[in-house]
Amino acid sequence: MKELAPVNQNVVLDITNSGTQKTASGIIIPDTAKEKPKFARIVAMSAIENAETRPGDLVIFKQYGGTEIEFEEKLYLYFPMLIFLPK
């Protein structure tokens, strides 16, 4: 099985959108027009000394930051270390 393995103090966030989005009037919003979520769960991270986060933590990130990666039919964001939101 392949896995995403970030390096150099980066994390991978799962930003897969669950389902099709529609407006209140029923118009389908295409993927190219959708706004990225601003919160996501960490699914993988590089070896970071004294890291305050770990996989499974919810984090907030900049809307247009990071690099989107599609891997095994899911959408991920490869990103430098983020601001941690405690559970």
N, C-alpha and C. Protein backbone atom coordinates (compact mmCIF):
# COMPACT_ATOMS: atom_id res chain seq x y z
N MET A 1 0.84 -1.18 0.00
CA MET A 1 0.00 0.00 0.00
C MET A 1 0.88 1.24 0.00
N LYS A 2 0.54 2.18 -0.82
CA LYS A 2 1.28 3.44 -0.87
C LYS A 2 0.76 4.37 0.22
N GLU A 3 1.65 5.23 0.72
CA GLU A 3 1.27 6.21 1.72
C GLU A 3 1.91 7.54 1.37
N LEU A 4 1.29 8.63 1.78
CA LEU A 4 1.90 9.94 1.63
C LEU A 4 2.83 10.15 2.81
N ALA A 5 4.07 10.54 2.54
CA ALA A 5 5.06 10.73 3.60
C ALA A 5 5.70 12.11 3.46
N PRO A 6 5.21 13.10 4.19
CA PRO A 6 5.78 14.44 4.10
C PRO A 6 7.19 14.50 4.69
N VAL A 7 7.99 15.45 4.22
CA VAL A 7 9.35 15.65 4.71
C VAL A 7 9.56 17.14 5.02
N ASN A 8 10.68 17.44 5.67
CA ASN A 8 11.10 18.83 5.95
C ASN A 8 10.05 19.65 6.69
N GLN A 9 9.55 19.13 7.78
CA GLN A 9 8.59 19.81 8.65
C GLN A 9 7.33 20.24 7.91
N ASN A 10 6.76 19.32 7.15
CA ASN A 10 5.50 19.53 6.46
C ASN A 10 4.47 18.55 6.96
N VAL A 11 3.20 18.86 6.71
CA VAL A 11 2.11 17.98 7.08
C VAL A 11 1.22 17.75 5.87
N VAL A 12 0.43 16.68 5.91
CA VAL A 12 -0.55 16.40 4.87
C VAL A 12 -1.93 16.46 5.52
N LEU A 13 -2.82 17.27 4.93
CA LEU A 13 -4.17 17.43 5.44
C LEU A 13 -5.15 16.78 4.48
N ASP A 14 -6.19 16.16 5.01
CA ASP A 14 -7.25 15.58 4.19
C ASP A 14 -8.29 16.67 3.94
N ILE A 15 -8.40 17.13 2.69
CA ILE A 15 -9.39 18.15 2.36
C ILE A 15 -10.42 17.60 1.38
N THR A 16 -10.57 16.28 1.35
CA THR A 16 -11.55 15.66 0.47
C THR A 16 -12.94 16.17 0.82
N ASN A 17 -13.64 16.62 -0.19
CA ASN A 17 -14.99 17.13 0.03
C ASN A 17 -15.97 15.96 -0.07
N SER A 18 -16.86 15.86 0.88
CA SER A 18 -17.81 14.74 0.88
C SER A 18 -19.07 15.12 0.12
N GLY A 19 -19.11 14.77 -1.15
CA GLY A 19 -20.32 14.97 -1.94
C GLY A 19 -20.32 16.23 -2.78
N THR A 20 -21.37 16.36 -3.59
CA THR A 20 -21.54 17.49 -4.48
C THR A 20 -22.14 18.66 -3.72
N GLN A 21 -21.63 19.86 -3.98
CA GLN A 21 -22.19 21.04 -3.35
C GLN A 21 -23.18 21.71 -4.28
N LYS A 22 -24.29 22.21 -3.73
CA LYS A 22 -25.30 22.93 -4.49
C LYS A 22 -25.64 24.22 -3.77
N THR A 23 -26.12 25.20 -4.53
CA THR A 23 -26.62 26.44 -3.93
C THR A 23 -28.01 26.16 -3.38
N ALA A 24 -28.57 27.13 -2.65
CA ALA A 24 -29.90 26.97 -2.09
C ALA A 24 -30.95 26.76 -3.19
N SER A 25 -30.71 27.32 -4.38
CA SER A 25 -31.67 27.17 -5.48
C SER A 25 -31.44 25.90 -6.30
N GLY A 26 -30.42 25.09 -5.93
CA GLY A 26 -30.20 23.81 -6.59
C GLY A 26 -29.14 23.81 -7.67
N ILE A 27 -28.44 24.92 -7.86
CA ILE A 27 -27.38 24.97 -8.87
C ILE A 27 -26.17 24.23 -8.34
N ILE A 28 -25.62 23.30 -9.16
CA ILE A 28 -24.44 22.52 -8.75
C ILE A 28 -23.20 23.39 -8.91
N ILE A 29 -22.38 23.42 -7.87
CA ILE A 29 -21.14 24.20 -7.89
C ILE A 29 -20.01 23.29 -8.37
N PRO A 30 -19.36 23.64 -9.50
CA PRO A 30 -18.26 22.79 -9.98
C PRO A 30 -17.06 22.84 -9.05
N ASP A 31 -16.22 21.79 -9.09
CA ASP A 31 -15.04 21.72 -8.24
C ASP A 31 -14.13 22.92 -8.39
N THR A 32 -14.05 23.48 -9.60
CA THR A 32 -13.14 24.61 -9.84
C THR A 32 -13.62 25.89 -9.15
N ALA A 33 -14.88 25.96 -8.80
CA ALA A 33 -15.42 27.16 -8.16
C ALA A 33 -15.58 27.01 -6.65
N LYS A 34 -15.34 25.82 -6.14
CA LYS A 34 -15.51 25.59 -4.70
C LYS A 34 -14.40 26.24 -3.91
N GLU A 35 -14.75 26.75 -2.75
CA GLU A 35 -13.77 27.33 -1.85
C GLU A 35 -13.17 26.21 -1.02
N LYS A 36 -11.86 26.25 -0.83
CA LYS A 36 -11.19 25.25 0.00
C LYS A 36 -11.68 25.37 1.44
N PRO A 37 -11.75 24.26 2.14
CA PRO A 37 -12.08 24.35 3.57
C PRO A 37 -10.94 25.04 4.30
N LYS A 38 -11.23 25.63 5.44
CA LYS A 38 -10.20 26.32 6.21
C LYS A 38 -9.75 25.50 7.42
N PHE A 39 -10.43 24.39 7.68
CA PHE A 39 -10.08 23.48 8.75
C PHE A 39 -9.92 22.08 8.15
N ALA A 40 -8.98 21.33 8.65
CA ALA A 40 -8.79 19.96 8.16
C ALA A 40 -8.05 19.14 9.21
N ARG A 41 -8.09 17.83 9.04
CA ARG A 41 -7.38 16.91 9.93
C ARG A 41 -6.03 16.55 9.34
N ILE A 42 -5.04 16.46 10.21
CA ILE A 42 -3.72 16.00 9.78
C ILE A 42 -3.79 14.49 9.58
N VAL A 43 -3.35 14.02 8.40
CA VAL A 43 -3.33 12.58 8.15
C VAL A 43 -1.91 12.03 8.19
N ALA A 44 -0.91 12.89 7.97
CA ALA A 44 0.48 12.46 8.03
C ALA A 44 1.35 13.69 8.28
N MET A 45 2.50 13.46 8.91
CA MET A 45 3.44 14.57 9.12
C MET A 45 4.85 14.04 9.17
N SER A 46 5.79 14.92 8.84
CA SER A 46 7.20 14.52 8.88
C SER A 46 7.66 14.45 10.32
N ALA A 47 8.86 13.96 10.53
CA ALA A 47 9.43 13.90 11.88
C ALA A 47 9.78 15.32 12.30
N ILE A 48 9.05 15.85 13.26
CA ILE A 48 9.25 17.22 13.74
C ILE A 48 9.56 17.15 15.22
N GLU A 49 10.71 17.68 15.60
CA GLU A 49 11.12 17.65 17.00
C GLU A 49 10.19 18.53 17.83
N ASN A 50 9.73 18.01 18.95
CA ASN A 50 8.84 18.72 19.88
C ASN A 50 7.56 19.20 19.20
N ALA A 51 7.01 18.42 18.32
CA ALA A 51 5.78 18.79 17.61
C ALA A 51 4.62 18.87 18.59
N GLU A 52 3.80 19.90 18.45
CA GLU A 52 2.63 20.07 19.30
C GLU A 52 1.40 19.44 18.67
N THR A 53 1.53 18.96 17.46
CA THR A 53 0.42 18.32 16.76
C THR A 53 0.80 16.90 16.40
N ARG A 54 -0.21 16.12 16.03
CA ARG A 54 0.02 14.76 15.57
C ARG A 54 -1.12 14.39 14.62
N PRO A 55 -0.97 13.34 13.85
CA PRO A 55 -2.04 12.93 12.95
C PRO A 55 -3.36 12.76 13.71
N GLY A 56 -4.43 13.25 13.10
CA GLY A 56 -5.75 13.21 13.73
C GLY A 56 -6.17 14.55 14.31
N ASP A 57 -5.21 15.47 14.54
CA ASP A 57 -5.54 16.78 15.09
C ASP A 57 -6.19 17.66 14.03
N LEU A 58 -7.11 18.52 14.47
CA LEU A 58 -7.77 19.49 13.60
C LEU A 58 -6.92 20.76 13.58
N VAL A 59 -6.66 21.27 12.37
CA VAL A 59 -5.85 22.48 12.22
C VAL A 59 -6.54 23.47 11.30
N ILE A 60 -6.11 24.71 11.36
CA ILE A 60 -6.60 25.76 10.48
C ILE A 60 -5.46 26.12 9.53
N PHE A 61 -5.80 26.47 8.28
CA PHE A 61 -4.76 26.81 7.33
C PHE A 61 -5.21 27.94 6.42
N LYS A 62 -4.25 28.58 5.74
CA LYS A 62 -4.55 29.66 4.81
C LYS A 62 -5.32 29.11 3.62
N GLN A 63 -6.30 29.87 3.17
CA GLN A 63 -7.18 29.41 2.11
C GLN A 63 -6.43 29.06 0.82
N TYR A 64 -5.46 29.84 0.42
CA TYR A 64 -4.77 29.59 -0.85
C TYR A 64 -3.34 29.10 -0.65
N GLY A 65 -3.04 28.55 0.50
CA GLY A 65 -1.70 28.04 0.77
C GLY A 65 -1.59 26.56 0.48
N GLY A 66 -0.39 26.06 0.51
CA GLY A 66 -0.15 24.63 0.33
C GLY A 66 -0.25 24.17 -1.10
N THR A 67 -0.02 22.89 -1.28
CA THR A 67 -0.07 22.26 -2.59
C THR A 67 -1.09 21.13 -2.56
N GLU A 68 -2.09 21.22 -3.45
CA GLU A 68 -3.11 20.17 -3.51
C GLU A 68 -2.55 18.93 -4.18
N ILE A 69 -2.89 17.76 -3.63
CA ILE A 69 -2.46 16.49 -4.17
C ILE A 69 -3.67 15.56 -4.20
N GLU A 70 -3.92 14.94 -5.35
CA GLU A 70 -4.96 13.92 -5.42
C GLU A 70 -4.26 12.57 -5.33
N PHE A 71 -4.65 11.75 -4.35
CA PHE A 71 -3.99 10.48 -4.10
C PHE A 71 -5.05 9.46 -3.73
N GLU A 72 -5.11 8.38 -4.49
CA GLU A 72 -6.08 7.30 -4.26
C GLU A 72 -7.50 7.85 -4.10
N GLU A 73 -7.89 8.70 -5.05
CA GLU A 73 -9.23 9.27 -5.14
C GLU A 73 -9.61 10.17 -3.96
N LYS A 74 -8.64 10.67 -3.22
CA LYS A 74 -8.89 11.65 -2.15
C LYS A 74 -8.06 12.88 -2.44
N LEU A 75 -8.49 14.01 -1.88
CA LEU A 75 -7.78 15.26 -2.08
C LEU A 75 -7.07 15.65 -0.78
N TYR A 76 -5.77 15.92 -0.91
CA TYR A 76 -4.95 16.28 0.24
C TYR A 76 -4.27 17.62 -0.01
N LEU A 77 -3.81 18.24 1.06
CA LEU A 77 -3.06 19.48 0.98
C LEU A 77 -1.73 19.25 1.68
N TYR A 78 -0.64 19.45 0.94
CA TYR A 78 0.72 19.33 1.48
C TYR A 78 1.12 20.72 1.92
N PHE A 79 1.44 20.87 3.20
CA PHE A 79 1.53 22.19 3.80
C PHE A 79 2.65 22.28 4.82
N PRO A 80 3.28 23.46 4.97
CA PRO A 80 4.23 23.64 6.08
C PRO A 80 3.48 23.57 7.42
N MET A 81 4.19 23.43 8.50
CA MET A 81 3.59 23.30 9.83
C MET A 81 2.55 24.39 10.06
N LEU A 82 1.46 24.05 10.79
CA LEU A 82 0.29 24.91 10.92
C LEU A 82 0.00 25.33 12.35
N ILE A 83 -1.04 26.13 12.50
CA ILE A 83 -1.55 26.53 13.82
C ILE A 83 -2.42 25.41 14.36
N PHE A 84 -2.21 25.01 15.57
CA PHE A 84 -2.91 23.88 16.19
C PHE A 84 -4.17 24.36 16.89
N LEU A 85 -5.28 23.63 16.70
CA LEU A 85 -6.52 23.90 17.42
C LEU A 85 -6.76 22.76 18.39
N PRO A 86 -6.63 23.00 19.69
CA PRO A 86 -6.81 21.91 20.67
C PRO A 86 -8.20 21.30 20.57
N LYS A 87 -8.30 20.01 20.91
CA LYS A 87 -9.58 19.30 20.85
C LYS A 87 -10.52 19.80 21.92
